[in-house]
Amino acid sequence: MICATVGLCTALLVTKPAIQDKQRLDMPNGARILVERRDTPGVMHAVLVSSYYSMPETTDTHGIRHLIEHLAAKGQDKLLDRKLETSGMTLSAVTDRDATTFTVTGSGDQVGMAMSAFNSIMLPLRTTQAEIDKELKILHQEYALVSGRNHFADAGWLGQYGDLALNSFGNLDVMAKQTPESLQAAHAEMFLAPGTILYICGDIEPRVALEHGRELLIKLRQEDLALAPRRKVERPIKRSIAKKGESRSADVAGLGVPMTTAIIGASLAFQATYGGIEVVYEPSCWPGVVTVYSPVRGRLSSLEKLTPNDIALLGPQARYLAALWAKGLQREDLRGARLRAKIFLQRPSFQLETLETQALGLTNDEIERAFARLKADQAAVVEGF
């Protein structure tokens, strides 16, 4: 039954090429632009990405990128979001471990307005202590909504990479110490040319969009960045947190690496078979973790009990679910645009469309090793109550 299902869905996984025209510009100051006309009638996404390496965080600066994201997204006059909405456009902003990303969505003839919005975000930050204090109240509310699975995933990152893997939300105590002057200085470091890329996609004229992007990024300051890759600790660290549940986090090298795809497939197959499990992974071409989380302690012990025969039976399901996951990454909405922008920042040669084929071609050995990486002797184990 499983094999028949996989055979049927393999045919369904054939993806129609979405790119109709593609242009790239590597600028003298180190900034880069990628423009793609894609099969999204009437819709345009413009994505401005500031790399984590423009302003790496330490325990003393943890959360400054997130706080700046909140403040900069308002624009110079604090009315940017409202102005875009009156023109039928939207603005969203996200900070993760890899980058801070601003995305404007509109119609294909609104690229110029999107670039004006980004210019307002990149101009020297204007803020006051009263505005900072107001944003801190909002951030306290955001933190209260962080899910249990994310707390366990964050602890898994620390277990695999140590202090090089601080969570993307930040430390509220560190944020509370910031002043308008300190944030203005930090904001200036976030948009250095080598760590800033622009991705524009959708129902657009690529040459026109590329010129709009060039005019935006040509003014950025050039400065060398220290692109030190994350390095995992010698042996995963077992951690305990005051949250309900348990988790296992396996380190992965990033998108496009077969073992990353295999670990995701193994995690999803385990989730589908045993139930009550959640899988957490932030797609990235840089090293990261895949976390298997259960809100109930003891459930993940089933991983240790898997025999080679059990894993062999789970293999077809792991391939199929990994392929479905890969197909889901190829979405043509805002989240898809944001992921393609991140890939352009991290590994421009990588083609997201190749992941489906890679997933369906995973070997039995790769799947067996993937399950082994999720077991307690290789994964970062996090225990709650």
Protein backbone atom coordinates (compact mmCIF):
# COMPACT_ATOMS: atom_id res chain seq x y z
CA MET A 1 0.00 0.00 0.00
CA ILE A 2 2.77 2.45 0.92
CA CYS A 3 4.77 1.68 -2.23
CA ALA A 4 1.70 2.13 -4.44
CA THR A 5 0.96 5.48 -2.83
CA VAL A 6 4.53 6.65 -3.36
CA GLY A 7 4.40 5.65 -7.01
CA LEU A 8 1.21 7.59 -7.57
CA CYS A 9 2.41 10.70 -5.76
CA THR A 10 5.77 10.68 -7.54
CA ALA A 11 3.89 11.44 -10.72
CA LEU A 12 1.95 14.19 -8.97
CA LEU A 13 5.15 15.80 -7.69
CA VAL A 14 6.26 16.97 -11.13
CA THR A 15 6.49 20.73 -10.82
CA LYS A 16 5.75 23.18 -13.62
CA PRO A 17 8.64 25.67 -13.99
CA ALA A 18 7.53 28.99 -12.51
CA ILE A 19 10.43 31.19 -13.67
CA GLN A 20 9.77 32.96 -16.98
CA ASP A 21 12.67 35.43 -16.97
CA LYS A 22 15.57 35.91 -14.55
CA GLN A 23 18.24 38.60 -14.18
CA ARG A 24 20.97 39.11 -11.60
CA LEU A 25 23.22 42.05 -10.77
CA ASP A 26 26.34 41.91 -8.58
CA MET A 27 27.13 45.51 -7.69
CA PRO A 28 30.63 47.01 -7.17
CA ASN A 29 29.91 47.69 -3.49
CA GLY A 30 29.11 43.99 -2.85
CA ALA A 31 25.31 44.23 -2.77
CA ARG A 32 23.42 41.77 -5.00
CA ILE A 33 20.06 41.83 -6.77
CA LEU A 34 18.03 38.98 -8.24
CA VAL A 35 14.91 39.64 -10.30
CA GLU A 36 12.56 36.89 -11.54
CA ARG A 37 9.39 37.08 -13.56
CA ARG A 38 7.27 34.28 -12.14
CA ASP A 39 3.85 32.82 -12.85
CA THR A 40 1.94 34.97 -10.33
CA PRO A 41 -0.48 37.10 -12.38
CA GLY A 42 -0.91 40.58 -10.95
CA VAL A 43 1.29 40.01 -7.90
CA MET A 44 4.80 41.24 -7.03
CA HIS A 45 6.94 40.49 -3.97
CA ALA A 46 10.02 42.58 -3.16
CA VAL A 47 12.29 41.27 -0.40
CA LEU A 48 15.10 43.22 1.28
CA VAL A 49 17.42 41.01 3.33
CA SER A 50 20.00 42.10 5.90
CA SER A 51 22.33 39.21 6.74
CA TYR A 52 22.96 38.17 10.33
CA TYR A 53 26.66 38.64 9.56
CA SER A 54 26.17 42.38 9.08
CA MET A 55 25.60 42.55 12.83
CA PRO A 56 26.31 39.24 14.59
CA GLU A 57 24.69 38.97 17.99
CA THR A 58 26.35 38.10 21.28
CA THR A 59 24.85 37.72 24.73
CA ASP A 60 25.46 41.47 25.18
CA THR A 61 23.59 42.45 21.97
CA HIS A 62 21.02 39.65 21.85
CA GLY A 63 17.74 41.03 20.52
CA ILE A 64 18.94 44.31 19.04
CA ARG A 65 18.28 43.09 15.47
CA HIS A 66 14.69 42.18 16.40
CA LEU A 67 14.08 45.51 18.12
CA ILE A 68 15.47 47.42 15.12
CA GLU A 69 13.21 45.39 12.82
CA HIS A 70 10.17 46.68 14.73
CA LEU A 71 11.36 50.29 14.64
CA ALA A 72 12.74 50.43 11.09
CA ALA A 73 9.60 48.87 9.57
CA LYS A 74 7.70 52.04 10.52
CA GLY A 75 9.77 54.12 8.08
CA GLN A 76 11.04 57.63 8.56
CA ASP A 77 7.66 59.21 9.28
CA LYS A 78 6.25 56.20 11.21
CA LEU A 79 3.45 55.91 8.65
CA LEU A 80 5.03 53.55 6.13
CA ASP A 81 2.66 50.62 6.66
CA ARG A 82 -0.40 52.85 6.44
CA LYS A 83 0.82 54.53 3.25
CA LEU A 84 1.42 51.19 1.58
CA GLU A 85 -2.00 49.90 2.60
CA THR A 86 -3.72 52.91 1.00
CA SER A 87 -2.10 51.83 -2.28
CA GLY A 88 -3.20 48.22 -1.88
CA MET A 89 0.23 47.05 -0.73
CA THR A 90 1.44 45.25 2.39
CA LEU A 91 4.65 45.24 4.42
CA SER A 92 5.90 42.41 6.63
CA ALA A 93 9.13 42.01 8.59
CA VAL A 94 10.78 38.96 10.15
CA THR A 95 13.99 38.35 12.09
CA ASP A 96 15.43 34.84 12.25
CA ARG A 97 18.87 33.42 13.00
CA ASP A 98 20.08 34.07 9.45
CA ALA A 99 18.77 37.52 8.60
CA THR A 100 16.30 40.33 9.09
CA THR A 101 13.88 40.43 6.17
CA PHE A 102 11.46 43.11 4.97
CA THR A 103 8.90 42.14 2.31
CA VAL A 104 6.59 44.41 0.32
CA THR A 105 3.78 42.83 -1.69
CA GLY A 106 1.82 44.66 -4.37
CA SER A 107 1.08 44.60 -8.07
CA GLY A 108 3.67 44.33 -10.82
CA ASP A 109 3.63 48.06 -11.58
CA GLN A 110 4.38 49.02 -7.95
CA VAL A 111 8.07 48.04 -7.83
CA GLY A 112 9.09 51.70 -7.59
CA MET A 113 6.87 52.20 -4.54
CA ALA A 114 8.34 49.09 -2.93
CA MET A 115 11.87 50.48 -3.42
CA SER A 116 10.79 53.80 -1.86
CA ALA A 117 9.52 51.85 1.14
CA PHE A 118 12.85 50.04 1.48
CA ASN A 119 14.69 53.34 1.20
CA SER A 120 12.68 54.69 4.12
CA ILE A 121 13.61 51.58 6.13
CA MET A 122 17.34 51.89 5.35
CA LEU A 123 17.67 55.65 5.95
CA PRO A 124 19.21 56.57 9.35
CA LEU A 125 16.92 55.37 12.11
CA ARG A 126 14.75 57.96 13.80
CA THR A 127 13.44 57.00 17.20
CA THR A 128 12.86 58.19 20.75
CA GLN A 129 13.06 56.53 24.13
CA ALA A 130 9.26 56.70 24.37
CA GLU A 131 8.91 54.78 21.10
CA ILE A 132 11.46 52.19 22.24
CA ASP A 133 9.58 51.67 25.50
CA LYS A 134 6.33 51.22 23.58
CA GLU A 135 7.88 48.59 21.30
CA LEU A 136 9.27 46.76 24.31
CA LYS A 137 5.73 46.34 25.65
CA ILE A 138 4.71 44.81 22.32
CA LEU A 139 7.73 42.50 22.39
CA HIS A 140 6.84 41.33 25.90
CA GLN A 141 3.41 40.37 24.51
CA GLU A 142 5.05 38.57 21.57
CA TYR A 143 7.29 36.58 23.90
CA ALA A 144 4.29 35.40 25.90
CA LEU A 145 2.96 33.84 22.68
CA VAL A 146 6.11 31.87 21.82
CA SER A 147 5.03 28.23 21.55
CA GLY A 148 6.43 25.37 23.60
CA ARG A 149 7.88 23.68 20.52
CA ASN A 150 9.90 26.81 19.75
CA HIS A 151 11.30 26.98 23.28
CA PHE A 152 12.47 23.38 22.90
CA ALA A 153 13.86 24.04 19.41
CA ASP A 154 15.82 27.04 20.75
CA ALA A 155 17.28 24.86 23.50
CA GLY A 156 18.20 22.27 20.86
CA TRP A 157 20.09 24.93 18.89
CA LEU A 158 22.12 25.77 22.00
CA GLY A 159 22.72 22.07 22.58
CA GLN A 160 24.21 21.64 19.11
CA TYR A 161 25.94 25.00 18.53
CA GLY A 162 26.39 26.66 21.92
CA ASP A 163 26.25 30.45 22.19
CA LEU A 164 26.63 30.80 18.39
CA ALA A 165 22.95 29.84 18.16
CA LEU A 166 21.13 32.40 20.28
CA ASN A 167 17.43 32.51 19.46
CA SER A 168 16.14 35.05 16.98
CA PHE A 169 13.66 36.66 19.39
CA GLY A 170 16.30 38.12 21.68
CA ASN A 171 16.78 38.96 25.33
CA LEU A 172 14.22 41.45 26.62
CA ASP A 173 16.61 42.67 29.33
CA VAL A 174 19.25 43.49 26.69
CA MET A 175 16.65 45.29 24.58
CA ALA A 176 15.53 47.33 27.58
CA LYS A 177 19.04 48.76 27.94
CA GLN A 178 19.06 50.27 24.45
CA THR A 179 18.93 53.99 23.77
CA PRO A 180 18.05 55.91 20.58
CA GLU A 181 21.77 56.49 20.02
CA SER A 182 22.79 52.84 20.43
CA LEU A 183 20.03 51.66 18.09
CA GLN A 184 20.89 54.27 15.46
CA ALA A 185 24.50 53.03 15.45
CA ALA A 186 23.39 49.39 15.23
CA HIS A 187 20.94 50.15 12.42
CA ALA A 188 23.75 51.68 10.37
CA GLU A 189 25.65 48.37 10.63
CA MET A 190 22.68 46.28 9.51
CA PHE A 191 22.67 47.56 5.95
CA LEU A 192 26.26 47.15 4.83
CA ALA A 193 26.47 46.35 1.12
CA PRO A 194 28.06 42.86 1.23
CA GLY A 195 25.44 41.65 3.69
CA THR A 196 22.42 43.13 1.93
CA ILE A 197 20.54 41.57 -0.99
CA LEU A 198 17.37 42.43 -2.86
CA TYR A 199 15.03 39.90 -4.44
CA ILE A 200 12.08 40.95 -6.63
CA CYS A 201 9.73 38.42 -8.16
CA GLY A 202 6.30 38.01 -9.69
CA ASP A 203 4.37 39.64 -12.51
CA ILE A 204 7.07 42.23 -13.28
CA GLU A 205 9.26 43.58 -16.05
CA PRO A 206 12.71 42.31 -14.96
CA ARG A 207 14.81 45.04 -16.58
CA VAL A 208 12.74 47.81 -15.03
CA ALA A 209 12.77 46.12 -11.61
CA LEU A 210 16.52 45.57 -11.79
CA GLU A 211 17.13 49.26 -12.43
CA HIS A 212 14.89 50.25 -9.52
CA GLY A 213 16.88 47.89 -7.30
CA ARG A 214 20.23 49.19 -8.52
CA GLU A 215 19.23 52.76 -7.65
CA LEU A 216 18.28 51.62 -4.15
CA LEU A 217 21.40 49.61 -3.25
CA ILE A 218 24.10 51.63 -5.00
CA LYS A 219 24.26 54.00 -2.03
CA LEU A 220 25.10 51.31 0.53
CA ARG A 221 28.48 51.38 2.25
CA GLN A 222 30.98 48.68 1.34
CA GLU A 223 32.72 46.92 4.20
CA ASP A 224 34.25 43.48 4.67
CA LEU A 225 32.16 41.05 6.71
CA ALA A 226 33.48 38.14 8.76
CA LEU A 227 31.42 35.22 7.43
CA ALA A 228 32.39 32.68 10.08
CA PRO A 229 30.18 29.59 9.68
CA ARG A 230 28.36 28.09 12.63
CA ARG A 231 30.31 25.23 14.13
CA LYS A 232 28.62 22.59 16.23
CA VAL A 233 29.92 21.67 19.65
CA GLU A 234 32.08 18.56 19.88
CA ARG A 235 29.32 16.60 21.60
CA PRO A 236 25.65 17.64 21.82
CA ILE A 237 24.76 19.10 25.20
CA LYS A 238 21.78 17.77 27.13
CA ARG A 239 19.65 20.58 28.50
CA SER A 240 16.65 21.04 30.77
CA ILE A 241 14.06 23.82 30.53
CA ALA A 242 11.04 24.76 32.63
CA LYS A 243 8.53 23.90 29.93
CA LYS A 244 6.24 20.94 29.37
CA GLY A 245 7.54 18.18 27.08
CA GLU A 246 10.77 16.89 25.54
CA SER A 247 12.68 17.16 22.26
CA ARG A 248 15.56 15.84 20.19
CA SER A 249 17.47 18.16 17.83
CA ALA A 250 19.71 16.86 15.05
CA ASP A 251 22.25 19.17 13.43
CA VAL A 252 21.90 19.60 9.65
CA ALA A 253 24.18 21.22 7.07
CA GLY A 254 21.40 23.05 5.22
CA LEU A 255 19.10 22.81 2.21
CA GLY A 256 20.42 20.78 -0.70
CA VAL A 257 22.50 18.42 1.42
CA PRO A 258 21.00 14.90 1.20
CA MET A 259 21.36 14.21 4.92
CA THR A 260 19.32 17.34 5.72
CA THR A 261 16.52 16.06 3.51
CA ALA A 262 16.84 12.57 5.00
CA ILE A 263 16.58 13.83 8.59
CA ILE A 264 13.50 15.87 7.70
CA GLY A 265 11.95 12.84 6.00
CA ALA A 266 12.76 10.59 8.98
CA SER A 267 11.29 13.14 11.40
CA LEU A 268 8.08 13.47 9.40
CA ALA A 269 7.72 9.68 9.08
CA PHE A 270 8.16 9.30 12.83
CA GLN A 271 5.57 12.05 13.39
CA ALA A 272 3.06 10.41 11.03
CA THR A 273 3.53 6.96 12.57
CA TYR A 274 3.55 7.74 16.29
CA GLY A 275 1.39 10.87 16.50
CA GLY A 276 1.50 13.66 19.08
CA ILE A 277 4.83 14.82 17.63
CA GLU A 278 5.81 18.14 16.02
CA VAL A 279 8.74 18.75 13.68
CA VAL A 280 10.43 22.16 13.74
CA TYR A 281 12.85 23.34 11.04
CA GLU A 282 13.57 26.81 9.63
CA PRO A 283 14.65 26.22 5.99
CA SER A 284 18.14 27.58 5.37
CA CYS A 285 21.24 26.85 3.31
CA TRP A 286 23.32 27.46 6.45
CA PRO A 287 23.80 24.91 9.26
CA GLY A 288 20.88 24.49 11.62
CA VAL A 289 18.83 21.91 13.50
CA VAL A 290 15.76 19.77 12.92
CA THR A 291 13.81 19.35 16.15
CA VAL A 292 11.37 16.57 16.99
CA TYR A 293 9.18 17.77 19.87
CA SER A 294 6.55 16.11 22.05
CA PRO A 295 4.47 17.98 24.63
CA VAL A 296 4.38 14.73 26.64
CA ARG A 297 7.54 13.29 28.17
CA GLY A 298 8.45 9.69 27.32
CA ARG A 299 6.93 9.64 23.84
CA LEU A 300 10.28 10.14 22.05
CA SER A 301 11.68 7.00 23.65
CA SER A 302 10.07 5.19 20.70
CA LEU A 303 13.01 6.45 18.62
CA GLU A 304 15.39 4.30 20.63
CA LYS A 305 13.22 1.22 20.09
CA LEU A 306 13.24 1.42 16.28
CA THR A 307 14.87 -1.66 14.77
CA PRO A 308 16.55 -1.80 11.34
CA ASN A 309 13.44 -3.59 10.08
CA ASP A 310 11.17 -0.81 11.46
CA ILE A 311 13.30 1.81 9.73
CA ALA A 312 13.24 -0.12 6.44
CA LEU A 313 9.43 -0.11 6.60
CA LEU A 314 9.41 3.63 7.31
CA GLY A 315 11.75 4.37 4.39
CA PRO A 316 9.12 4.83 1.63
CA GLN A 317 7.08 7.09 3.90
CA ALA A 318 10.18 9.14 4.76
CA ARG A 319 10.93 9.68 1.05
CA TYR A 320 7.37 10.61 0.21
CA LEU A 321 6.90 13.02 3.11
CA ALA A 322 10.28 14.65 2.45
CA ALA A 323 9.21 15.15 -1.18
CA LEU A 324 5.90 16.70 -0.12
CA TRP A 325 7.80 18.99 2.24
CA ALA A 326 10.16 19.97 -0.59
CA LYS A 327 7.25 20.69 -2.89
CA GLY A 328 5.66 22.87 -0.21
CA LEU A 329 8.77 25.05 -0.14
CA GLN A 330 8.15 26.01 -3.78
CA ARG A 331 5.09 28.09 -2.94
CA GLU A 332 4.52 31.32 -4.86
CA ASP A 333 3.31 33.42 -1.93
CA LEU A 334 5.08 35.79 0.45
CA ARG A 335 6.74 32.97 2.42
CA GLY A 336 8.03 31.40 -0.78
CA ALA A 337 9.50 34.71 -1.92
CA ARG A 338 11.15 35.20 1.45
CA LEU A 339 12.76 31.75 1.29
CA ARG A 340 14.07 32.27 -2.25
CA ALA A 341 15.53 35.59 -1.12
CA LYS A 342 17.32 33.86 1.74
CA ILE A 343 18.68 31.21 -0.62
CA PHE A 344 20.00 33.97 -2.89
CA LEU A 345 21.78 35.46 0.13
CA GLN A 346 23.27 32.17 1.28
CA ARG A 347 23.82 29.93 -1.73
CA PRO A 348 22.82 31.54 -5.04
CA SER A 349 23.64 28.45 -7.13
CA PHE A 350 21.15 26.24 -5.26
CA GLN A 351 17.92 25.39 -7.09
CA LEU A 352 15.02 24.80 -4.71
CA GLU A 353 13.25 22.72 -7.36
CA THR A 354 15.88 19.98 -7.08
CA LEU A 355 14.82 19.01 -3.55
CA GLU A 356 11.86 16.86 -4.63
CA THR A 357 14.05 14.63 -6.77
CA GLN A 358 16.63 14.45 -4.01
CA ALA A 359 13.96 13.40 -1.50
CA LEU A 360 12.56 10.64 -3.69
CA GLY A 361 16.08 9.36 -4.37
CA LEU A 362 17.17 9.00 -0.73
CA THR A 363 18.90 5.67 -0.14
CA ASN A 364 18.05 3.18 2.60
CA ASP A 365 21.44 3.90 4.18
CA GLU A 366 20.78 7.66 4.26
CA ILE A 367 17.40 7.13 5.93
CA GLU A 368 18.86 4.72 8.46
CA ARG A 369 21.61 7.21 9.33
CA ALA A 370 19.01 9.99 9.58
CA PHE A 371 17.04 8.05 12.21
CA ALA A 372 20.30 7.42 14.08
CA ARG A 373 20.96 11.16 14.18
CA LEU A 374 17.64 11.67 15.97
CA LYS A 375 18.43 9.20 18.72
CA ALA A 376 19.61 10.31 22.16
CA ASP A 377 23.28 9.43 21.68
CA GLN A 378 23.66 11.79 18.67
CA ALA A 379 20.93 14.43 19.06
CA ALA A 380 20.76 17.36 21.47
CA VAL A 381 18.30 16.11 24.10
CA VAL A 382 16.11 18.68 25.86
CA GLU A 383 13.96 17.65 28.81
CA GLY A 384 11.09 19.59 30.33
CA PHE A 385 8.73 18.59 33.08
